[in-house]
N, C-alpha and C. Protein backbone atom coordinates (compact mmCIF):
# COMPACT_ATOMS: atom_id res chain seq x y z
N MET A 1 -56.25 -97.78 -42.45
CA MET A 1 -55.43 -96.71 -42.99
C MET A 1 -54.08 -96.80 -42.23
N ASP A 2 -53.01 -96.74 -43.01
CA ASP A 2 -51.68 -96.78 -42.39
C ASP A 2 -51.30 -95.41 -41.81
N LYS A 3 -50.19 -95.40 -41.10
CA LYS A 3 -49.76 -94.17 -40.40
C LYS A 3 -49.57 -93.01 -41.38
N GLN A 4 -49.04 -93.26 -42.55
CA GLN A 4 -48.86 -92.18 -43.52
C GLN A 4 -50.20 -91.64 -44.04
N GLY A 5 -51.16 -92.56 -44.23
CA GLY A 5 -52.50 -92.18 -44.68
C GLY A 5 -53.19 -91.38 -43.59
N GLN A 6 -52.97 -91.77 -42.34
CA GLN A 6 -53.58 -91.04 -41.23
C GLN A 6 -53.03 -89.59 -41.18
N GLU A 7 -51.74 -89.48 -41.37
CA GLU A 7 -51.16 -88.13 -41.33
C GLU A 7 -51.67 -87.24 -42.47
N LYS A 8 -51.80 -87.80 -43.65
CA LYS A 8 -52.36 -87.05 -44.78
C LYS A 8 -53.80 -86.68 -44.52
N PHE A 9 -54.58 -87.59 -43.97
CA PHE A 9 -55.98 -87.30 -43.67
C PHE A 9 -56.09 -86.24 -42.60
N LEU A 10 -55.29 -86.32 -41.54
CA LEU A 10 -55.27 -85.31 -40.48
C LEU A 10 -54.93 -83.96 -41.06
N SER A 11 -53.92 -83.85 -41.89
CA SER A 11 -53.49 -82.58 -42.50
C SER A 11 -54.60 -82.02 -43.37
N PHE A 12 -55.23 -82.90 -44.17
CA PHE A 12 -56.32 -82.51 -45.11
C PHE A 12 -57.45 -81.89 -44.27
N ILE A 13 -57.87 -82.56 -43.21
CA ILE A 13 -59.02 -82.07 -42.42
C ILE A 13 -58.63 -80.79 -41.72
N LEU A 14 -57.44 -80.75 -41.07
CA LEU A 14 -57.10 -79.57 -40.28
C LEU A 14 -57.02 -78.30 -41.16
N GLN A 15 -56.72 -78.46 -42.40
CA GLN A 15 -56.62 -77.29 -43.30
C GLN A 15 -58.02 -76.74 -43.62
N ARG A 16 -59.05 -77.52 -43.30
CA ARG A 16 -60.43 -77.15 -43.66
C ARG A 16 -61.33 -76.89 -42.45
N VAL A 17 -60.79 -76.90 -41.26
CA VAL A 17 -61.62 -76.63 -40.09
C VAL A 17 -61.71 -75.16 -39.83
N GLN A 18 -62.66 -74.71 -39.08
CA GLN A 18 -62.87 -73.30 -38.72
C GLN A 18 -61.71 -72.86 -37.83
N GLU A 19 -61.40 -71.58 -37.97
CA GLU A 19 -60.31 -71.03 -37.15
C GLU A 19 -60.63 -71.23 -35.64
N GLY A 20 -59.63 -71.70 -34.92
CA GLY A 20 -59.79 -71.91 -33.49
C GLY A 20 -60.31 -73.29 -33.12
N LYS A 21 -60.68 -74.05 -34.14
CA LYS A 21 -61.19 -75.41 -33.94
C LYS A 21 -60.20 -76.49 -34.21
N GLU A 22 -58.98 -76.14 -34.61
CA GLU A 22 -57.98 -77.08 -35.07
C GLU A 22 -57.65 -78.13 -33.99
N GLU A 23 -57.46 -77.65 -32.75
CA GLU A 23 -57.07 -78.63 -31.70
C GLU A 23 -58.16 -79.60 -31.40
N GLU A 24 -59.39 -79.14 -31.36
CA GLU A 24 -60.53 -80.06 -31.11
C GLU A 24 -60.62 -81.11 -32.24
N ALA A 25 -60.48 -80.64 -33.44
CA ALA A 25 -60.51 -81.59 -34.57
C ALA A 25 -59.33 -82.56 -34.49
N ARG A 26 -58.16 -82.10 -34.18
CA ARG A 26 -56.99 -82.98 -34.04
C ARG A 26 -57.26 -84.08 -32.94
N GLU A 27 -57.83 -83.71 -31.86
CA GLU A 27 -58.07 -84.66 -30.77
C GLU A 27 -59.08 -85.76 -31.20
N ILE A 28 -60.10 -85.34 -31.91
CA ILE A 28 -61.11 -86.30 -32.40
C ILE A 28 -60.45 -87.27 -33.40
N LEU A 29 -59.65 -86.74 -34.32
CA LEU A 29 -59.04 -87.55 -35.29
C LEU A 29 -57.96 -88.50 -34.66
N VAL A 30 -57.19 -87.97 -33.81
CA VAL A 30 -56.15 -88.86 -33.17
C VAL A 30 -56.79 -89.98 -32.40
N GLU A 31 -57.90 -89.71 -31.68
CA GLU A 31 -58.60 -90.74 -30.93
C GLU A 31 -59.15 -91.81 -31.87
N ASN A 32 -59.69 -91.38 -33.00
CA ASN A 32 -60.20 -92.37 -33.99
C ASN A 32 -59.07 -93.16 -34.59
N PHE A 33 -57.93 -92.57 -34.85
CA PHE A 33 -56.83 -93.28 -35.42
C PHE A 33 -56.29 -94.34 -34.39
N LYS A 34 -56.33 -93.94 -33.14
CA LYS A 34 -55.89 -94.83 -32.06
C LYS A 34 -56.80 -96.12 -32.05
N LYS A 35 -58.10 -95.87 -32.08
CA LYS A 35 -59.05 -96.98 -32.15
C LYS A 35 -58.84 -97.87 -33.37
N GLN A 36 -58.62 -97.19 -34.50
CA GLN A 36 -58.34 -97.93 -35.75
C GLN A 36 -57.10 -98.80 -35.64
N ASN A 37 -56.06 -98.22 -35.04
CA ASN A 37 -54.81 -99.01 -34.88
C ASN A 37 -55.00 -100.17 -33.94
N GLU A 38 -55.85 -99.99 -32.95
CA GLU A 38 -56.15 -101.05 -31.93
C GLU A 38 -57.14 -102.10 -32.48
N GLY A 39 -57.76 -101.78 -33.58
CA GLY A 39 -58.79 -102.70 -34.09
C GLY A 39 -60.14 -102.56 -33.42
N THR A 40 -60.35 -101.41 -32.72
CA THR A 40 -61.62 -101.23 -32.02
C THR A 40 -62.48 -100.14 -32.68
N PHE A 41 -62.09 -99.61 -33.81
CA PHE A 41 -62.81 -98.62 -34.50
C PHE A 41 -64.07 -99.22 -35.14
N SER A 42 -65.25 -98.70 -34.80
CA SER A 42 -66.49 -99.34 -35.21
C SER A 42 -67.32 -98.42 -36.06
N GLN A 43 -68.42 -99.00 -36.60
CA GLN A 43 -69.40 -98.19 -37.37
C GLN A 43 -69.97 -97.10 -36.46
N GLU A 44 -70.20 -97.41 -35.18
CA GLU A 44 -70.69 -96.42 -34.27
C GLU A 44 -69.71 -95.22 -34.10
N ASP A 45 -68.40 -95.54 -34.15
CA ASP A 45 -67.43 -94.49 -34.09
C ASP A 45 -67.54 -93.58 -35.29
N ILE A 46 -67.70 -94.17 -36.46
CA ILE A 46 -67.90 -93.42 -37.72
C ILE A 46 -69.10 -92.50 -37.57
N GLN A 47 -70.22 -93.06 -37.08
CA GLN A 47 -71.48 -92.28 -36.97
C GLN A 47 -71.33 -91.17 -35.97
N ALA A 48 -70.50 -91.32 -34.94
CA ALA A 48 -70.25 -90.24 -33.98
C ALA A 48 -69.30 -89.21 -34.53
N PHE A 49 -68.32 -89.70 -35.30
CA PHE A 49 -67.28 -88.83 -35.86
C PHE A 49 -67.89 -87.85 -36.81
N ILE A 50 -68.74 -88.24 -37.68
CA ILE A 50 -69.23 -87.38 -38.78
C ILE A 50 -69.87 -86.10 -38.23
N PRO A 51 -70.88 -86.19 -37.36
CA PRO A 51 -71.52 -84.93 -36.88
C PRO A 51 -70.53 -84.05 -36.13
N LYS A 52 -69.61 -84.66 -35.37
CA LYS A 52 -68.65 -83.85 -34.61
C LYS A 52 -67.76 -83.08 -35.57
N MET A 53 -67.30 -83.75 -36.62
CA MET A 53 -66.43 -83.04 -37.57
C MET A 53 -67.18 -82.02 -38.37
N ILE A 54 -68.42 -82.34 -38.76
CA ILE A 54 -69.20 -81.40 -39.53
C ILE A 54 -69.30 -80.04 -38.85
N SER A 55 -69.48 -80.09 -37.49
CA SER A 55 -69.62 -78.90 -36.73
C SER A 55 -68.32 -78.04 -36.66
N LEU A 56 -67.20 -78.65 -36.99
CA LEU A 56 -65.91 -77.98 -36.92
C LEU A 56 -65.40 -77.49 -38.32
N ILE A 57 -66.01 -78.03 -39.38
CA ILE A 57 -65.52 -77.72 -40.73
C ILE A 57 -66.07 -76.37 -41.22
N LYS A 58 -65.24 -75.67 -42.00
CA LYS A 58 -65.71 -74.48 -42.65
C LYS A 58 -66.84 -74.87 -43.56
N PRO A 59 -67.99 -74.14 -43.52
CA PRO A 59 -69.12 -74.56 -44.32
C PRO A 59 -68.84 -74.69 -45.81
N GLU A 60 -67.99 -73.87 -46.35
CA GLU A 60 -67.71 -73.98 -47.78
C GLU A 60 -66.88 -75.21 -48.13
N LYS A 61 -66.28 -75.82 -47.15
CA LYS A 61 -65.45 -76.99 -47.37
C LYS A 61 -66.17 -78.30 -47.09
N LEU A 62 -67.35 -78.22 -46.57
CA LEU A 62 -68.16 -79.36 -46.17
C LEU A 62 -68.34 -80.42 -47.30
N PRO A 63 -68.77 -80.03 -48.54
CA PRO A 63 -68.95 -81.05 -49.55
C PRO A 63 -67.66 -81.85 -49.82
N GLU A 64 -66.56 -81.16 -49.87
CA GLU A 64 -65.28 -81.80 -50.07
C GLU A 64 -64.96 -82.83 -48.97
N ILE A 65 -65.17 -82.42 -47.77
CA ILE A 65 -64.95 -83.27 -46.60
C ILE A 65 -65.88 -84.46 -46.59
N GLN A 66 -67.12 -84.23 -46.91
CA GLN A 66 -68.10 -85.33 -46.92
C GLN A 66 -67.68 -86.44 -47.91
N ALA A 67 -67.20 -85.99 -49.10
CA ALA A 67 -66.79 -86.97 -50.09
C ALA A 67 -65.60 -87.83 -49.57
N VAL A 68 -64.66 -87.16 -48.91
CA VAL A 68 -63.47 -87.89 -48.42
C VAL A 68 -63.89 -88.80 -47.24
N VAL A 69 -64.73 -88.36 -46.37
CA VAL A 69 -65.16 -89.21 -45.24
C VAL A 69 -65.96 -90.40 -45.73
N LYS A 70 -66.78 -90.17 -46.74
CA LYS A 70 -67.57 -91.27 -47.33
C LYS A 70 -66.60 -92.33 -47.90
N ASN A 71 -65.62 -91.86 -48.60
CA ASN A 71 -64.62 -92.76 -49.13
C ASN A 71 -63.88 -93.50 -48.01
N PHE A 72 -63.47 -92.81 -46.97
CA PHE A 72 -62.82 -93.35 -45.78
C PHE A 72 -63.68 -94.38 -45.15
N SER A 73 -64.95 -94.12 -44.91
CA SER A 73 -65.80 -95.11 -44.24
C SER A 73 -66.06 -96.29 -45.14
N GLY A 74 -66.09 -96.07 -46.45
CA GLY A 74 -66.24 -97.19 -47.37
C GLY A 74 -65.04 -98.10 -47.33
N ASP A 75 -63.85 -97.55 -47.22
CA ASP A 75 -62.65 -98.38 -47.08
C ASP A 75 -62.69 -99.16 -45.74
N PHE A 76 -63.21 -98.53 -44.70
CA PHE A 76 -63.32 -99.17 -43.39
C PHE A 76 -64.25 -100.37 -43.51
N ASN A 77 -65.37 -100.23 -44.22
CA ASN A 77 -66.35 -101.33 -44.33
C ASN A 77 -65.77 -102.51 -45.13
N LYS A 78 -64.78 -102.30 -45.98
CA LYS A 78 -64.19 -103.37 -46.76
C LYS A 78 -63.28 -104.26 -45.89
N GLN A 79 -62.87 -103.71 -44.75
CA GLN A 79 -61.89 -104.49 -43.94
C GLN A 79 -62.58 -105.67 -43.26
């Protein structure tokens, strides 16, 4: 994902996290983007990312987020 895609993804997710959880979500995402940029982002990172983010997302937004993350991880697997 390029820098612009990362910014869009970050914004999309942060709009859907529970109140007060925005900074925690931002830190998780920024760390994953850093690993992706360095070429060290792994399937294990994806598996750790999903449960962490699920715990921060507003419950009513979860299906939408899961669809986007699934698409994101699918793109990662194509690389």
